[in-house]
Amino acid sequence: MLESIRDYFATHASTYITKVWEHLSLSLMALAIVLLIGLPLGYLSFRSKLFGQISQGTVQALRVIPSLGVLFILIPFLGVGRVPALMALVILGLPPVLLNTLVGFQEVPAILVETGLGLGMTNRQLLAKVQLPLALPYILNGIKLALVEIIASATLATYIGAGGLGEIIFTGLGLYRMDLLVIGGGTVALLSFLSMIIFDLSIKGVASYEK
């Protein structure tokens, strides 16, 4: 099998790089949209109890739907290609970002908030100098979970013509090619692992800085 893997990279290196780029670009684009939606919603959920209950109930309901189910649900409305795949990945990545943002702000000690208000801080200053820095480790953990989920689920985007490493994996399944399964699946696992390492180091750095 090692020889088959070596032969694949010798003859299909450019194709492999293209698939990795498709996978990464789709995943990072989905994560960017998740952050634009999830971070503000998480903070609003913290500020408003009613909004928090509604948003938590919604994201918990979204978590029940499997990744492939989300893709197929969107096909009748958005067709096939990168757009429905992107929307599906946003739906899958939103819950951990929103929920961890909410938890992060909830975990800020009330005494620190009261102290900040007592010192004359405005709500904006309190957010920037007290609440956000203390909530940041939780937020980063939510982003990490979202990115890992997105990278793994982006493999299924091949089913609707969005490209990516899923093409290598499903080609391997169709042709009973173990080398392709190892190359495609191993790359997805490596990308997920690297994402976890980067965010874990970032979380440790933020936590140690706060101390």
C-alpha atoms as a PDB file:
ATOM      1  CA  MET A   1       0.000   0.000   0.000  1.00  0.00           C
ATOM      2  CA  LEU A   2       2.908   2.354   0.711  1.00  0.00           C
ATOM      3  CA  GLU A   3       4.016   1.968  -2.870  1.00  0.00           C
ATOM      4  CA  SER A   4       0.517   2.821  -4.104  1.00  0.00           C
ATOM      5  CA  ILE A   5       0.482   5.940  -1.937  1.00  0.00           C
ATOM      6  CA  ARG A   6       3.881   6.976  -3.266  1.00  0.00           C
ATOM      7  CA  ASP A   7       2.720   6.400  -6.850  1.00  0.00           C
ATOM      8  CA  TYR A   8      -0.391   8.506  -6.228  1.00  0.00           C
ATOM      9  CA  PHE A   9       1.616  11.493  -5.044  1.00  0.00           C
ATOM     10  CA  ALA A  10       4.057  11.064  -7.907  1.00  0.00           C
ATOM     11  CA  THR A  11       1.312  11.237 -10.534  1.00  0.00           C
ATOM     12  CA  HIS A  12      -1.497  13.211  -8.833  1.00  0.00           C
ATOM     13  CA  ALA A  13       0.290  15.704  -6.595  1.00  0.00           C
ATOM     14  CA  SER A  14      -1.368  18.718  -8.237  1.00  0.00           C
ATOM     15  CA  THR A  15      -4.819  17.126  -7.924  1.00  0.00           C
ATOM     16  CA  TYR A  16      -4.174  16.382  -4.259  1.00  0.00           C
ATOM     17  CA  ILE A  17      -3.124  19.970  -3.548  1.00  0.00           C
ATOM     18  CA  THR A  18      -6.236  21.235  -5.344  1.00  0.00           C
ATOM     19  CA  LYS A  19      -8.488  19.005  -3.239  1.00  0.00           C
ATOM     20  CA  VAL A  20      -6.785  20.077  -0.005  1.00  0.00           C
ATOM     21  CA  TRP A  21      -7.239  23.732  -0.985  1.00  0.00           C
ATOM     22  CA  GLU A  22     -10.908  23.185  -1.873  1.00  0.00           C
ATOM     23  CA  HIS A  23     -11.445  21.516   1.482  1.00  0.00           C
ATOM     24  CA  LEU A  24      -9.633  24.190   3.464  1.00  0.00           C
ATOM     25  CA  SER A  25     -11.176  27.144   1.637  1.00  0.00           C
ATOM     26  CA  LEU A  26     -14.689  25.762   2.102  1.00  0.00           C
ATOM     27  CA  SER A  27     -14.038  25.034   5.786  1.00  0.00           C
ATOM     28  CA  LEU A  28     -12.479  28.416   6.570  1.00  0.00           C
ATOM     29  CA  MET A  29     -15.193  30.288   4.687  1.00  0.00           C
ATOM     30  CA  ALA A  30     -17.848  28.424   6.684  1.00  0.00           C
ATOM     31  CA  LEU A  31     -15.997  29.174   9.929  1.00  0.00           C
ATOM     32  CA  ALA A  32     -15.822  32.884   9.073  1.00  0.00           C
ATOM     33  CA  ILE A  33     -19.593  33.001   8.568  1.00  0.00           C
ATOM     34  CA  VAL A  34     -20.124  31.037  11.779  1.00  0.00           C
ATOM     35  CA  LEU A  35     -18.082  33.603  13.709  1.00  0.00           C
ATOM     36  CA  LEU A  36     -19.958  36.526  12.176  1.00  0.00           C
ATOM     37  CA  ILE A  37     -23.251  34.968  13.276  1.00  0.00           C
ATOM     38  CA  GLY A  38     -22.373  32.962  16.376  1.00  0.00           C
ATOM     39  CA  LEU A  39     -20.317  35.469  18.367  1.00  0.00           C
ATOM     40  CA  PRO A  40     -22.922  38.290  18.330  1.00  0.00           C
ATOM     41  CA  LEU A  41     -25.751  35.814  18.963  1.00  0.00           C
ATOM     42  CA  GLY A  42     -23.828  34.309  21.881  1.00  0.00           C
ATOM     43  CA  TYR A  43     -23.364  37.721  23.461  1.00  0.00           C
ATOM     44  CA  LEU A  44     -27.005  38.667  22.863  1.00  0.00           C
ATOM     45  CA  SER A  45     -28.024  35.365  24.448  1.00  0.00           C
ATOM     46  CA  PHE A  46     -26.038  36.379  27.515  1.00  0.00           C
ATOM     47  CA  ARG A  47     -27.610  39.834  27.648  1.00  0.00           C
ATOM     48  CA  SER A  48     -31.198  38.662  27.157  1.00  0.00           C
ATOM     49  CA  LYS A  49     -32.550  35.656  29.036  1.00  0.00           C
ATOM     50  CA  LEU A  50     -35.462  35.184  26.623  1.00  0.00           C
ATOM     51  CA  PHE A  51     -33.230  35.441  23.565  1.00  0.00           C
ATOM     52  CA  GLY A  52     -30.811  33.039  25.226  1.00  0.00           C
ATOM     53  CA  GLN A  53     -33.510  30.430  25.765  1.00  0.00           C
ATOM     54  CA  ILE A  54     -34.675  30.712  22.159  1.00  0.00           C
ATOM     55  CA  SER A  55     -31.172  30.553  20.680  1.00  0.00           C
ATOM     56  CA  GLN A  56     -30.120  27.628  22.890  1.00  0.00           C
ATOM     57  CA  GLY A  57     -33.236  25.684  21.978  1.00  0.00           C
ATOM     58  CA  THR A  58     -32.655  26.363  18.287  1.00  0.00           C
ATOM     59  CA  VAL A  59     -29.016  25.286  18.231  1.00  0.00           C
ATOM     60  CA  GLN A  60     -29.753  22.199  20.308  1.00  0.00           C
ATOM     61  CA  ALA A  61     -32.385  21.242  17.732  1.00  0.00           C
ATOM     62  CA  LEU A  62     -29.848  21.772  14.935  1.00  0.00           C
ATOM     63  CA  ARG A  63     -27.425  19.426  16.684  1.00  0.00           C
ATOM     64  CA  VAL A  64     -29.903  16.571  16.346  1.00  0.00           C
ATOM     65  CA  ILE A  65     -29.779  16.705  12.536  1.00  0.00           C
ATOM     66  CA  PRO A  66     -26.900  14.598  11.111  1.00  0.00           C
ATOM     67  CA  SER A  67     -24.381  16.249   8.782  1.00  0.00           C
ATOM     68  CA  LEU A  68     -25.534  14.393   5.694  1.00  0.00           C
ATOM     69  CA  GLY A  69     -29.157  15.154   6.547  1.00  0.00           C
ATOM     70  CA  VAL A  70     -28.454  18.894   6.580  1.00  0.00           C
ATOM     71  CA  LEU A  71     -26.869  18.669   3.137  1.00  0.00           C
ATOM     72  CA  PHE A  72     -29.788  16.806   1.614  1.00  0.00           C
ATOM     73  CA  ILE A  73     -32.374  19.082   3.246  1.00  0.00           C
ATOM     74  CA  LEU A  74     -30.806  22.119   1.564  1.00  0.00           C
ATOM     75  CA  ILE A  75     -30.566  20.601  -1.935  1.00  0.00           C
ATOM     76  CA  PRO A  76     -34.222  21.329  -2.927  1.00  0.00           C
ATOM     77  CA  PHE A  77     -33.785  24.988  -1.910  1.00  0.00           C
ATOM     78  CA  LEU A  78     -30.223  25.785  -2.971  1.00  0.00           C
ATOM     79  CA  GLY A  79     -29.358  23.065  -5.469  1.00  0.00           C
ATOM     80  CA  VAL A  80     -25.922  21.457  -5.498  1.00  0.00           C
ATOM     81  CA  GLY A  81     -22.412  22.873  -5.288  1.00  0.00           C
ATOM     82  CA  ARG A  82     -20.478  24.986  -2.804  1.00  0.00           C
ATOM     83  CA  VAL A  83     -23.342  27.235  -1.667  1.00  0.00           C
ATOM     84  CA  PRO A  84     -25.536  24.544  -0.071  1.00  0.00           C
ATOM     85  CA  ALA A  85     -22.419  22.842   1.298  1.00  0.00           C
ATOM     86  CA  LEU A  86     -21.332  26.147   2.831  1.00  0.00           C
ATOM     87  CA  MET A  87     -24.741  26.741   4.386  1.00  0.00           C
ATOM     88  CA  ALA A  88     -24.829  23.208   5.784  1.00  0.00           C
ATOM     89  CA  LEU A  89     -21.385  23.625   7.350  1.00  0.00           C
ATOM     90  CA  VAL A  90     -22.445  26.934   8.890  1.00  0.00           C
ATOM     91  CA  ILE A  91     -25.447  25.235  10.473  1.00  0.00           C
ATOM     92  CA  LEU A  92     -23.213  22.474  11.844  1.00  0.00           C
ATOM     93  CA  GLY A  93     -20.542  24.847  13.146  1.00  0.00           C
ATOM     94  CA  LEU A  94     -22.854  27.399  14.749  1.00  0.00           C
ATOM     95  CA  PRO A  95     -23.896  25.543  17.948  1.00  0.00           C
ATOM     96  CA  PRO A  96     -20.460  25.197  19.620  1.00  0.00           C
ATOM     97  CA  VAL A  97     -19.521  28.826  18.909  1.00  0.00           C
ATOM     98  CA  LEU A  98     -22.811  30.252  20.144  1.00  0.00           C
ATOM     99  CA  LEU A  99     -23.043  28.049  23.238  1.00  0.00           C
ATOM    100  CA  ASN A 100     -19.417  28.482  24.286  1.00  0.00           C
ATOM    101  CA  THR A 101     -19.651  32.240  23.821  1.00  0.00           C
ATOM    102  CA  LEU A 102     -22.706  32.274  26.067  1.00  0.00           C
ATOM    103  CA  VAL A 103     -21.012  30.093  28.693  1.00  0.00           C
ATOM    104  CA  GLY A 104     -17.866  32.210  28.537  1.00  0.00           C
ATOM    105  CA  PHE A 105     -19.722  35.398  29.427  1.00  0.00           C
ATOM    106  CA  GLN A 106     -21.761  33.600  32.083  1.00  0.00           C
ATOM    107  CA  GLU A 107     -18.554  32.416  33.765  1.00  0.00           C
ATOM    108  CA  VAL A 108     -17.208  35.935  34.253  1.00  0.00           C
ATOM    109  CA  PRO A 109     -17.330  36.540  38.045  1.00  0.00           C
ATOM    110  CA  ALA A 110     -20.091  38.978  38.965  1.00  0.00           C
ATOM    111  CA  ILE A 111     -17.815  40.682  41.483  1.00  0.00           C
ATOM    112  CA  LEU A 112     -15.479  41.767  38.688  1.00  0.00           C
ATOM    113  CA  VAL A 113     -18.376  43.206  36.703  1.00  0.00           C
ATOM    114  CA  GLU A 114     -19.587  45.086  39.772  1.00  0.00           C
ATOM    115  CA  THR A 115     -16.082  46.372  40.422  1.00  0.00           C
ATOM    116  CA  GLY A 116     -15.801  47.626  36.850  1.00  0.00           C
ATOM    117  CA  LEU A 117     -19.133  49.404  37.109  1.00  0.00           C
ATOM    118  CA  GLY A 118     -18.055  50.863  40.438  1.00  0.00           C
ATOM    119  CA  LEU A 119     -14.957  52.290  38.776  1.00  0.00           C
ATOM    120  CA  GLY A 120     -17.158  54.087  36.268  1.00  0.00           C
ATOM    121  CA  MET A 121     -16.682  51.813  33.268  1.00  0.00           C
ATOM    122  CA  THR A 122     -19.237  52.017  30.481  1.00  0.00           C
ATOM    123  CA  ASN A 123     -20.795  48.806  29.163  1.00  0.00           C
ATOM    124  CA  ARG A 124     -18.474  48.945  26.151  1.00  0.00           C
ATOM    125  CA  GLN A 125     -15.395  49.359  28.338  1.00  0.00           C
ATOM    126  CA  LEU A 126     -16.580  46.580  30.615  1.00  0.00           C
ATOM    127  CA  LEU A 127     -17.010  44.281  27.624  1.00  0.00           C
ATOM    128  CA  ALA A 128     -13.615  45.094  26.119  1.00  0.00           C
ATOM    129  CA  LYS A 129     -11.515  45.126  29.308  1.00  0.00           C
ATOM    130  CA  VAL A 130     -13.215  42.615  31.612  1.00  0.00           C
ATOM    131  CA  GLN A 131     -15.847  40.346  30.106  1.00  0.00           C
ATOM    132  CA  LEU A 132     -14.353  39.527  26.700  1.00  0.00           C
ATOM    133  CA  PRO A 133     -10.812  38.754  27.943  1.00  0.00           C
ATOM    134  CA  LEU A 134     -12.171  36.415  30.632  1.00  0.00           C
ATOM    135  CA  ALA A 135     -14.618  34.756  28.239  1.00  0.00           C
ATOM    136  CA  LEU A 136     -12.005  34.350  25.491  1.00  0.00           C
ATOM    137  CA  PRO A 137     -10.762  30.852  26.485  1.00  0.00           C
ATOM    138  CA  TYR A 138     -14.329  29.520  26.288  1.00  0.00           C
ATOM    139  CA  ILE A 139     -14.909  31.289  22.974  1.00  0.00           C
ATOM    140  CA  LEU A 140     -11.685  29.877  21.496  1.00  0.00           C
ATOM    141  CA  ASN A 141     -12.698  26.406  22.629  1.00  0.00           C
ATOM    142  CA  GLY A 142     -16.030  26.818  20.853  1.00  0.00           C
ATOM    143  CA  ILE A 143     -14.256  27.945  17.684  1.00  0.00           C
ATOM    144  CA  LYS A 144     -11.957  24.930  17.911  1.00  0.00           C
ATOM    145  CA  LEU A 145     -14.901  22.530  18.210  1.00  0.00           C
ATOM    146  CA  ALA A 146     -16.677  24.248  15.321  1.00  0.00           C
ATOM    147  CA  LEU A 147     -13.635  24.079  13.040  1.00  0.00           C
ATOM    148  CA  VAL A 148     -13.027  20.394  13.743  1.00  0.00           C
ATOM    149  CA  GLU A 149     -16.701  19.665  13.075  1.00  0.00           C
ATOM    150  CA  ILE A 150     -16.612  21.681   9.853  1.00  0.00           C
ATOM    151  CA  ILE A 151     -13.413  20.071   8.547  1.00  0.00           C
ATOM    152  CA  ALA A 152     -14.779  16.591   9.198  1.00  0.00           C
ATOM    153  CA  SER A 153     -18.219  17.330   7.752  1.00  0.00           C
ATOM    154  CA  ALA A 154     -16.810  19.080   4.671  1.00  0.00           C
ATOM    155  CA  THR A 155     -15.843  15.596   3.489  1.00  0.00           C
ATOM    156  CA  LEU A 156     -19.533  14.932   2.836  1.00  0.00           C
ATOM    157  CA  ALA A 157     -19.764  18.002   0.605  1.00  0.00           C
ATOM    158  CA  THR A 158     -18.521  15.787  -2.218  1.00  0.00           C
ATOM    159  CA  TYR A 159     -22.010  14.290  -2.364  1.00  0.00           C
ATOM    160  CA  ILE A 160     -23.373  17.581  -3.716  1.00  0.00           C
ATOM    161  CA  GLY A 161     -20.467  18.529  -5.952  1.00  0.00           C
ATOM    162  CA  ALA A 162     -18.565  20.886  -3.643  1.00  0.00           C
ATOM    163  CA  GLY A 163     -15.227  19.133  -4.140  1.00  0.00           C
ATOM    164  CA  GLY A 164     -12.616  18.696  -1.435  1.00  0.00           C
ATOM    165  CA  LEU A 165     -10.898  15.686   0.060  1.00  0.00           C
ATOM    166  CA  GLY A 166     -14.168  13.789   0.082  1.00  0.00           C
ATOM    167  CA  GLU A 167     -13.664  13.139  -3.627  1.00  0.00           C
ATOM    168  CA  ILE A 168     -10.492  11.186  -2.879  1.00  0.00           C
ATOM    169  CA  ILE A 169     -12.170   9.267  -0.059  1.00  0.00           C
ATOM    170  CA  PHE A 170     -15.312   8.327  -1.978  1.00  0.00           C
ATOM    171  CA  THR A 171     -13.295   7.422  -5.062  1.00  0.00           C
ATOM    172  CA  GLY A 172     -11.338   5.072  -2.833  1.00  0.00           C
ATOM    173  CA  LEU A 173     -14.564   3.574  -1.506  1.00  0.00           C
ATOM    174  CA  GLY A 174     -15.955   3.098  -5.009  1.00  0.00           C
ATOM    175  CA  LEU A 175     -12.791   1.493  -6.372  1.00  0.00           C
ATOM    176  CA  TYR A 176     -11.868  -0.388  -3.187  1.00  0.00           C
ATOM    177  CA  ARG A 177      -8.606   1.563  -3.117  1.00  0.00           C
ATOM    178  CA  MET A 178      -7.216   1.528   0.401  1.00  0.00           C
ATOM    179  CA  ASP A 179      -4.433   3.927  -0.579  1.00  0.00           C
ATOM    180  CA  LEU A 180      -6.956   6.622  -1.542  1.00  0.00           C
ATOM    181  CA  LEU A 181      -8.871   6.101   1.693  1.00  0.00           C
ATOM    182  CA  VAL A 182      -5.683   6.509   3.695  1.00  0.00           C
ATOM    183  CA  ILE A 183      -4.618   9.608   1.750  1.00  0.00           C
ATOM    184  CA  GLY A 184      -8.003  11.344   1.910  1.00  0.00           C
ATOM    185  CA  GLY A 185      -9.018  10.262   5.397  1.00  0.00           C
ATOM    186  CA  GLY A 186      -5.529  10.762   6.787  1.00  0.00           C
ATOM    187  CA  THR A 187      -5.373  14.313   5.445  1.00  0.00           C
ATOM    188  CA  VAL A 188      -8.751  15.200   6.979  1.00  0.00           C
ATOM    189  CA  ALA A 189      -7.630  13.725  10.300  1.00  0.00           C
ATOM    190  CA  LEU A 190      -4.347  15.643  10.102  1.00  0.00           C
ATOM    191  CA  LEU A 191      -6.110  18.936   9.373  1.00  0.00           C
ATOM    192  CA  SER A 192      -8.451  18.375  12.317  1.00  0.00           C
ATOM    193  CA  PHE A 193      -5.547  17.463  14.593  1.00  0.00           C
ATOM    194  CA  LEU A 194      -3.531  20.527  13.595  1.00  0.00           C
ATOM    195  CA  SER A 195      -6.571  22.738  14.194  1.00  0.00           C
ATOM    196  CA  MET A 196      -6.969  21.301  17.685  1.00  0.00           C
ATOM    197  CA  ILE A 197      -3.287  21.793  18.495  1.00  0.00           C
ATOM    198  CA  ILE A 198      -3.281  25.417  17.298  1.00  0.00           C
ATOM    199  CA  PHE A 199      -6.380  26.331  19.300  1.00  0.00           C
ATOM    200  CA  ASP A 200      -5.283  24.408  22.404  1.00  0.00           C
ATOM    201  CA  LEU A 201      -2.012  26.357  22.392  1.00  0.00           C
ATOM    202  CA  SER A 202      -3.938  29.596  21.888  1.00  0.00           C
ATOM    203  CA  ILE A 203      -6.258  28.795  24.804  1.00  0.00           C
ATOM    204  CA  LYS A 204      -3.307  27.972  27.063  1.00  0.00           C
ATOM    205  CA  GLY A 205      -1.591  31.192  26.004  1.00  0.00           C
ATOM    206  CA  VAL A 206      -4.671  33.282  26.765  1.00  0.00           C
ATOM    207  CA  ALA A 207      -5.235  31.524  30.102  1.00  0.00           C
ATOM    208  CA  SER A 208      -1.616  31.993  31.199  1.00  0.00           C
ATOM    209  CA  TYR A 209      -1.673  35.667  30.134  1.00  0.00           C
ATOM    210  CA  GLU A 210      -4.772  36.307  32.248  1.00  0.00           C
ATOM    211  CA  LYS A 211      -3.053  34.815  35.286  1.00  0.00           C
END
